[in-house]
Amino acid sequence: MTVKTALITGITGQDGSYLAELLLQKGYVVHGIVRRASTFNTQRIDHLYQDPHDPQARLFLHYGDLTDGTRIAALLGRLQPDEVYHLAAQSHVRVSFDEPEFTGNTTGLSTTRLLEAIRATGLPCRFYQASSSEMFGSTPPPQNEDTSFHPRSPYGVAKVYAYWVTRNFREAYGIYAVNGILFNHESPRRGQTFVTRKIAMAAARIKAGLQGELYMGNLDARRDWGYAPEYVEAMWRMLQQDQPDDYVVATGISHSVRDFVDHCFAHVGLDWRDHVRFDERYLRPSEVDDLVGDASRAERILGWHATVLAPELARLMVDAELATLTSTRASSVAAPDAHSELLAVMR
């Protein structure tokens, strides 16, 4: 049986780490692109580490920057992956208003660089583009694959560009390229500046007496929140179909930010109204009011549906924060010498 090879951009992020786990479990050889930095940023995948000198190793990391098309083309030509999962981006919506040019370059144009490298090298691989529900913006819910886009942030605009360039390369050059239009999906591995992780951390820290207040912006915005490990399964299923297509991945149920706050604080026996304060600095210049995905195509064709909904998601994220607070050392953090060895073999 031929072993498949996958390349993941953004492998050190929330989705990239879960996808790497999934593909390794399925027997893939997995390559990931990591940005060069002066500090280690591999914490989410340290538990997957294998000495690359081991003949059984199946996870390999490579330095690369998605603003460097030459490097991307060279890596694709050398690695010859069967599947490419493009997850890397400047993905923080609020930050995209502060850094719109950088967001456009990394979140939008990086997709063109990858697709053009695939086209130019003639690589017969399958390509997954991480599209986003933020593309729908102010379009009324529910949103599905035929819903028009009206993005409300530079991030959403960049994702719309990446979506259409993916479709264009599919139609113009016959590349097997799909868009996974994923609605909000969270986990304990979510970055600390994202609202769900920020809320879960605050609930745990306030319960532990380490924090007194939580400052928030718009509590009325509604989102369709799911569980990230389930959503990466949908990514993989998209690339296993006979024909490429685009799919919405969502739970079909929306909750307000206020609801999520309530779920997290109630789980630790607190009334959120005693601790949450408003700060206008967290408001966006233009807001997305309500996102609710219709994932019926994914269920019909991919056999995929969400099982973890927002209330359970809030509880498991808070539990993870509580466990971290009571642990002397997070089990996923590798020893310093393991970090050094891991990075020393990256090329």
Protein backbone atom coordinates (compact mmCIF):
# COMPACT_ATOMS: atom_id res chain seq x y z
CA MET A 1 0.00 0.00 0.00
CA THR A 2 1.45 3.35 -1.10
CA VAL A 3 2.03 5.80 1.75
CA LYS A 4 0.61 9.26 1.06
CA THR A 5 2.58 12.41 1.72
CA ALA A 6 0.95 15.63 2.92
CA LEU A 7 2.29 19.17 3.27
CA ILE A 8 0.65 21.46 5.84
CA THR A 9 1.17 25.18 5.98
CA GLY A 10 0.38 26.54 9.43
CA ILE A 11 1.19 23.20 11.04
CA THR A 12 2.02 24.88 14.36
CA GLY A 13 -1.43 26.47 14.63
CA GLN A 14 -4.58 25.03 16.18
CA ASP A 15 -5.90 23.40 13.00
CA GLY A 16 -2.48 22.40 11.73
CA SER A 17 -1.65 20.49 14.89
CA TYR A 18 -4.94 18.57 14.89
CA LEU A 19 -4.65 17.86 11.17
CA ALA A 20 -1.09 16.58 11.60
CA GLU A 21 -2.34 14.22 14.33
CA LEU A 22 -5.13 12.97 12.10
CA LEU A 23 -2.92 12.36 9.08
CA LEU A 24 -0.25 10.59 11.12
CA GLN A 25 -2.95 8.34 12.54
CA LYS A 26 -3.99 7.54 8.97
CA GLY A 27 -0.44 6.52 8.06
CA TYR A 28 0.65 9.62 6.13
CA VAL A 29 4.12 11.08 5.98
CA VAL A 30 3.55 14.68 7.08
CA HIS A 31 5.65 17.72 6.23
CA GLY A 32 5.00 21.11 7.77
CA ILE A 33 6.18 24.63 6.97
CA VAL A 34 7.32 26.70 9.95
CA ARG A 35 8.39 30.33 9.99
CA ARG A 36 11.89 31.02 11.26
CA ALA A 37 11.73 32.81 14.60
CA SER A 38 14.08 33.54 17.46
CA THR A 39 11.80 31.67 19.87
CA PHE A 40 10.35 28.19 19.65
CA ASN A 41 6.78 28.10 18.37
CA THR A 42 6.18 24.37 18.04
CA GLN A 43 4.35 23.78 21.33
CA ARG A 44 1.17 22.45 19.73
CA ILE A 45 3.03 19.70 17.89
CA ASP A 46 5.82 18.84 20.33
CA HIS A 47 3.95 15.70 21.38
CA LEU A 48 4.15 14.49 17.76
CA TYR A 49 7.90 14.89 17.62
CA GLN A 50 9.96 12.06 16.16
CA ASP A 51 13.71 12.04 15.70
CA PRO A 52 14.06 12.52 11.92
CA HIS A 53 17.06 10.20 11.97
CA ASP A 54 14.71 7.39 13.00
CA PRO A 55 13.76 5.32 9.92
CA GLN A 56 10.20 5.22 11.29
CA ALA A 57 9.86 9.02 11.49
CA ARG A 58 6.91 10.42 9.57
CA LEU A 59 6.80 14.06 10.69
CA PHE A 60 9.23 16.58 9.21
CA LEU A 61 9.38 20.36 9.53
CA HIS A 62 10.85 22.86 7.09
CA TYR A 63 11.55 26.55 7.36
CA GLY A 64 9.57 28.64 4.93
CA ASP A 65 7.68 31.89 4.52
CA LEU A 66 4.52 32.13 2.47
CA THR A 67 5.58 35.55 1.16
CA ASP A 68 8.51 33.81 -0.58
CA GLY A 69 7.18 32.12 -3.71
CA THR A 70 10.60 30.77 -4.73
CA ARG A 71 11.00 28.89 -1.46
CA ILE A 72 7.46 27.50 -1.68
CA ALA A 73 8.04 26.23 -5.21
CA ALA A 74 11.35 24.64 -4.20
CA LEU A 75 9.75 22.81 -1.26
CA LEU A 76 6.87 21.52 -3.37
CA GLY A 77 9.26 20.32 -6.05
CA ARG A 78 11.45 18.51 -3.54
CA LEU A 79 8.75 17.00 -1.31
CA GLN A 80 6.29 16.03 -4.06
CA PRO A 81 3.29 15.86 -1.69
CA ASP A 82 0.10 14.07 -2.66
CA GLU A 83 -1.98 16.55 -0.66
CA VAL A 84 -1.35 20.19 0.30
CA TYR A 85 -3.35 21.74 3.13
CA HIS A 86 -3.02 25.51 3.15
CA LEU A 87 -3.96 26.65 6.66
CA ALA A 88 -1.40 29.39 7.35
CA ALA A 89 -2.64 32.98 7.49
CA GLN A 90 -2.81 36.14 9.52
CA SER A 91 -6.08 34.88 10.97
CA HIS A 92 -7.02 37.37 13.66
CA VAL A 93 -9.97 39.44 12.39
CA ARG A 94 -9.45 42.43 14.70
CA VAL A 95 -5.72 42.56 13.93
CA SER A 96 -6.48 42.63 10.20
CA PHE A 97 -7.88 46.15 10.60
CA ASP A 98 -4.55 47.27 12.05
CA GLU A 99 -2.45 45.37 9.50
CA PRO A 100 -4.52 45.19 6.29
CA GLU A 101 -1.58 45.07 3.87
CA PHE A 102 0.19 42.29 5.75
CA THR A 103 -3.10 40.39 6.01
CA GLY A 104 -3.68 40.66 2.27
CA ASN A 105 -0.15 39.48 1.53
CA THR A 106 -0.18 36.48 3.84
CA THR A 107 -3.83 35.48 3.89
CA GLY A 108 -4.68 36.24 0.27
CA LEU A 109 -1.62 36.19 -1.97
CA SER A 110 -0.04 33.17 -0.26
CA THR A 111 -2.76 31.04 -1.87
CA THR A 112 -1.78 32.33 -5.31
CA ARG A 113 1.86 31.54 -4.62
CA LEU A 114 1.08 27.96 -3.67
CA LEU A 115 -1.28 27.35 -6.57
CA GLU A 116 1.09 28.91 -9.07
CA ALA A 117 3.92 26.73 -7.74
CA ILE A 118 1.72 23.66 -8.18
CA ARG A 119 0.82 24.73 -11.70
CA ALA A 120 4.36 25.68 -12.72
CA THR A 121 5.91 22.44 -11.43
CA GLY A 122 3.12 20.26 -12.80
CA LEU A 123 2.73 18.66 -9.39
CA PRO A 124 -0.25 16.23 -9.47
CA CYS A 125 -1.36 16.96 -5.92
CA ARG A 126 -4.67 17.83 -4.29
CA PHE A 127 -4.96 21.28 -2.72
CA TYR A 128 -7.05 22.41 0.25
CA GLN A 129 -7.68 26.12 0.83
CA ALA A 130 -8.78 27.16 4.33
CA SER A 131 -11.63 29.51 3.52
CA SER A 132 -13.65 31.22 6.24
CA SER A 133 -17.19 32.10 7.25
CA GLU A 134 -15.92 35.68 7.61
CA MET A 135 -16.26 35.88 3.82
CA PHE A 136 -20.05 36.04 4.26
CA GLY A 137 -19.81 39.04 6.56
CA SER A 138 -23.12 40.88 6.59
CA THR A 139 -24.98 38.44 4.33
CA PRO A 140 -28.00 37.19 6.31
CA PRO A 141 -27.82 33.64 7.71
CA PRO A 142 -28.00 30.77 7.22
CA GLN A 143 -25.04 30.72 4.83
CA ASN A 144 -24.16 27.88 2.47
CA GLU A 145 -21.95 27.30 -0.58
CA ASP A 146 -24.26 29.40 -2.82
CA THR A 147 -24.55 32.39 -0.46
CA SER A 148 -23.03 35.63 -1.75
CA PHE A 149 -20.04 37.14 0.03
CA HIS A 150 -20.01 40.52 1.78
CA PRO A 151 -16.87 40.55 3.95
CA ARG A 152 -16.60 43.11 6.75
CA SER A 153 -12.88 43.01 7.53
CA PRO A 154 -9.56 42.97 5.65
CA TYR A 155 -9.24 39.36 6.78
CA GLY A 156 -12.58 38.47 5.21
CA VAL A 157 -11.65 40.34 2.02
CA ALA A 158 -8.34 38.45 1.78
CA LYS A 159 -10.13 35.14 2.26
CA VAL A 160 -12.58 36.00 -0.53
CA TYR A 161 -9.63 36.62 -2.84
CA ALA A 162 -8.06 33.29 -1.85
CA TYR A 163 -11.39 31.52 -2.37
CA TRP A 164 -11.80 32.81 -5.89
CA VAL A 165 -8.20 32.25 -6.95
CA THR A 166 -8.58 28.63 -5.77
CA ARG A 167 -11.68 28.21 -7.91
CA ASN A 168 -9.97 29.95 -10.82
CA PHE A 169 -6.97 27.60 -10.80
CA ARG A 170 -9.35 24.64 -10.55
CA GLU A 171 -11.36 25.80 -13.55
CA ALA A 172 -8.50 27.19 -15.65
CA TYR A 173 -5.84 24.53 -15.10
CA GLY A 174 -7.72 21.46 -13.89
CA ILE A 175 -5.96 21.47 -10.51
CA TYR A 176 -7.73 19.46 -7.83
CA ALA A 177 -8.38 22.39 -5.51
CA VAL A 178 -11.12 22.78 -2.92
CA ASN A 179 -12.32 25.47 -0.54
CA GLY A 180 -13.30 24.42 2.95
CA ILE A 181 -15.54 27.23 4.20
CA LEU A 182 -15.17 26.55 7.90
CA PHE A 183 -17.24 28.43 10.43
CA ASN A 184 -15.73 29.24 13.83
CA HIS A 185 -14.07 26.21 15.34
CA GLU A 186 -12.30 26.26 18.68
CA SER A 187 -10.38 24.10 21.15
CA PRO A 188 -7.97 24.36 24.08
CA ARG A 189 -5.26 24.91 21.47
CA ARG A 190 -6.81 28.14 20.21
CA GLY A 191 -4.54 31.18 20.49
CA GLN A 192 -4.90 33.18 23.69
CA THR A 193 -5.97 36.38 21.91
CA PHE A 194 -9.01 34.75 20.29
CA VAL A 195 -12.26 35.45 22.06
CA THR A 196 -13.26 31.90 23.05
CA ARG A 197 -9.85 31.09 24.56
CA LYS A 198 -9.72 34.50 26.22
CA ILE A 199 -13.09 33.84 27.88
CA ALA A 200 -12.22 30.28 28.95
CA MET A 201 -8.90 31.39 30.42
CA ALA A 202 -10.51 34.24 32.32
CA ALA A 203 -13.22 32.01 33.81
CA ALA A 204 -10.60 29.56 35.08
CA ARG A 205 -8.25 32.25 36.37
CA ILE A 206 -11.02 34.18 38.13
CA LYS A 207 -12.21 30.96 39.75
CA ALA A 208 -8.65 30.32 40.90
CA GLY A 209 -8.31 33.84 42.29
CA LEU A 210 -5.64 34.82 39.77
CA GLN A 211 -7.68 37.41 37.93
CA GLY A 212 -10.51 39.72 38.90
CA GLU A 213 -12.07 41.02 35.69
CA LEU A 214 -12.46 40.25 32.01
CA TYR A 215 -12.67 43.09 29.51
CA MET A 216 -14.76 42.43 26.41
CA GLY A 217 -16.10 44.23 23.37
CA ASN A 218 -19.29 43.30 21.51
CA LEU A 219 -21.20 40.60 23.39
CA ASP A 220 -24.11 40.54 20.92
CA ALA A 221 -22.26 39.11 17.91
CA ARG A 222 -23.46 35.60 17.11
CA ARG A 223 -21.27 32.80 15.81
CA ASP A 224 -21.58 29.16 14.82
CA TRP A 225 -18.96 27.54 17.06
CA GLY A 226 -17.71 23.97 16.56
CA TYR A 227 -14.86 21.78 17.75
CA ALA A 228 -11.60 22.00 15.77
CA PRO A 229 -10.63 18.27 15.84
CA GLU A 230 -13.92 17.44 14.14
CA TYR A 231 -13.40 20.12 11.51
CA VAL A 232 -9.98 18.87 10.37
CA GLU A 233 -11.63 15.51 9.63
CA ALA A 234 -13.86 17.37 7.17
CA MET A 235 -10.76 18.90 5.54
CA TRP A 236 -9.30 15.46 4.92
CA ARG A 237 -12.57 14.08 3.57
CA MET A 238 -12.78 16.88 1.01
CA LEU A 239 -9.53 15.73 -0.61
CA GLN A 240 -10.66 12.10 -0.78
CA GLN A 241 -13.56 12.74 -3.17
CA ASP A 242 -13.48 11.86 -6.86
CA GLN A 243 -14.20 15.44 -7.89
CA PRO A 244 -13.10 18.69 -6.22
CA ASP A 245 -15.80 20.93 -4.77
CA ASP A 246 -16.32 23.56 -2.08
CA TYR A 247 -17.96 22.81 1.26
CA VAL A 248 -19.36 24.69 4.24
CA VAL A 249 -18.40 23.10 7.58
CA ALA A 250 -20.52 24.21 10.53
CA THR A 251 -22.82 23.09 13.33
CA GLY A 252 -25.88 24.98 12.05
CA ILE A 253 -26.49 26.60 15.45
CA SER A 254 -25.49 30.11 16.52
CA HIS A 255 -24.73 31.46 19.97
CA SER A 256 -23.88 34.99 21.03
CA VAL A 257 -20.57 35.90 22.60
CA ARG A 258 -22.62 36.58 25.73
CA ASP A 259 -23.91 32.99 25.61
CA PHE A 260 -20.35 31.65 25.42
CA VAL A 261 -19.31 33.82 28.36
CA ASP A 262 -22.27 32.52 30.35
CA HIS A 263 -21.47 28.88 29.54
CA CYS A 264 -17.83 29.28 30.63
CA PHE A 265 -18.48 31.16 33.87
CA ALA A 266 -21.45 29.02 34.86
CA HIS A 267 -19.27 25.92 34.48
CA VAL A 268 -17.10 27.17 37.35
CA GLY A 269 -20.02 28.41 39.42
CA LEU A 270 -19.62 32.13 38.69
CA ASP A 271 -22.00 34.82 37.49
CA TRP A 272 -20.23 36.46 34.57
CA ARG A 273 -21.97 39.78 35.21
CA ASP A 274 -19.90 40.16 38.37
CA HIS A 275 -16.65 40.04 36.43
CA VAL A 276 -17.07 41.08 32.77
CA ARG A 277 -16.44 44.71 31.85
CA PHE A 278 -16.84 46.56 28.55
CA ASP A 279 -13.85 48.04 26.70
CA GLU A 280 -14.51 49.80 23.39
CA ARG A 281 -10.97 49.08 22.23
CA TYR A 282 -12.11 45.53 21.44
CA LEU A 283 -14.81 46.71 19.03
CA ARG A 284 -14.19 46.29 15.31
CA PRO A 285 -14.63 49.19 12.85
CA SER A 286 -17.25 47.05 11.08
CA GLU A 287 -18.88 44.06 12.71
CA VAL A 288 -20.28 40.74 11.50
CA ASP A 289 -23.53 40.28 13.38
CA ASP A 290 -24.57 36.69 12.76
CA LEU A 291 -22.97 33.66 11.12
CA VAL A 292 -24.81 30.34 10.91
CA GLY A 293 -23.61 27.67 8.51
CA ASP A 294 -25.67 25.22 6.50
CA ALA A 295 -23.42 22.17 6.18
CA SER A 296 -25.96 19.93 4.47
CA ARG A 297 -23.71 19.40 1.43
CA ALA A 298 -20.85 18.23 3.65
CA GLU A 299 -23.19 15.84 5.44
CA ARG A 300 -24.66 14.51 2.20
CA ILE A 301 -21.42 14.08 0.22
CA LEU A 302 -18.69 13.79 2.85
CA GLY A 303 -20.74 12.02 5.50
CA TRP A 304 -19.63 14.66 7.99
CA HIS A 305 -21.58 16.40 10.74
CA ALA A 306 -20.65 18.20 13.93
CA THR A 307 -21.26 16.50 17.29
CA VAL A 308 -19.69 18.96 19.77
CA LEU A 309 -21.76 22.13 20.14
CA ALA A 310 -20.97 25.45 21.85
CA PRO A 311 -22.09 24.62 25.43
CA GLU A 312 -19.97 21.45 25.55
CA LEU A 313 -17.13 23.24 23.77
CA ALA A 314 -17.13 25.98 26.43
CA ARG A 315 -16.99 23.42 29.22
CA LEU A 316 -14.12 21.42 27.75
CA MET A 317 -12.11 24.58 27.09
CA VAL A 318 -12.58 25.78 30.67
CA ASP A 319 -11.67 22.33 32.00
CA ALA A 320 -8.46 22.44 29.98
CA GLU A 321 -7.59 25.84 31.47
CA LEU A 322 -8.28 24.57 34.99
CA ALA A 323 -6.07 21.54 34.36
CA THR A 324 -3.26 23.80 33.14
CA LEU A 325 -3.50 25.99 36.23
CA THR A 326 -3.25 23.00 38.54
CA SER A 327 -0.44 21.31 36.65
CA THR A 328 3.20 22.03 37.45
CA ARG A 329 4.10 21.47 33.84
CA ALA A 330 1.87 21.08 30.77
CA SER A 331 2.34 17.56 29.41
CA SER A 332 2.52 18.83 25.80
CA VAL A 333 5.65 20.94 26.40
CA ALA A 334 8.79 19.16 25.26
CA ALA A 335 12.13 19.41 27.09
CA PRO A 336 14.49 22.14 25.81
CA ASP A 337 16.90 19.65 24.29
CA ALA A 338 14.05 18.08 22.32
CA HIS A 339 13.15 21.52 20.97
CA SER A 340 16.74 22.10 19.93
CA GLU A 341 17.01 18.76 18.20
CA LEU A 342 13.70 19.27 16.45
CA LEU A 343 14.68 22.62 14.99
CA ALA A 344 18.24 21.63 14.18
CA VAL A 345 17.06 19.19 11.51
CA MET A 346 14.59 21.54 9.82
CA ARG A 347 15.60 22.54 6.32
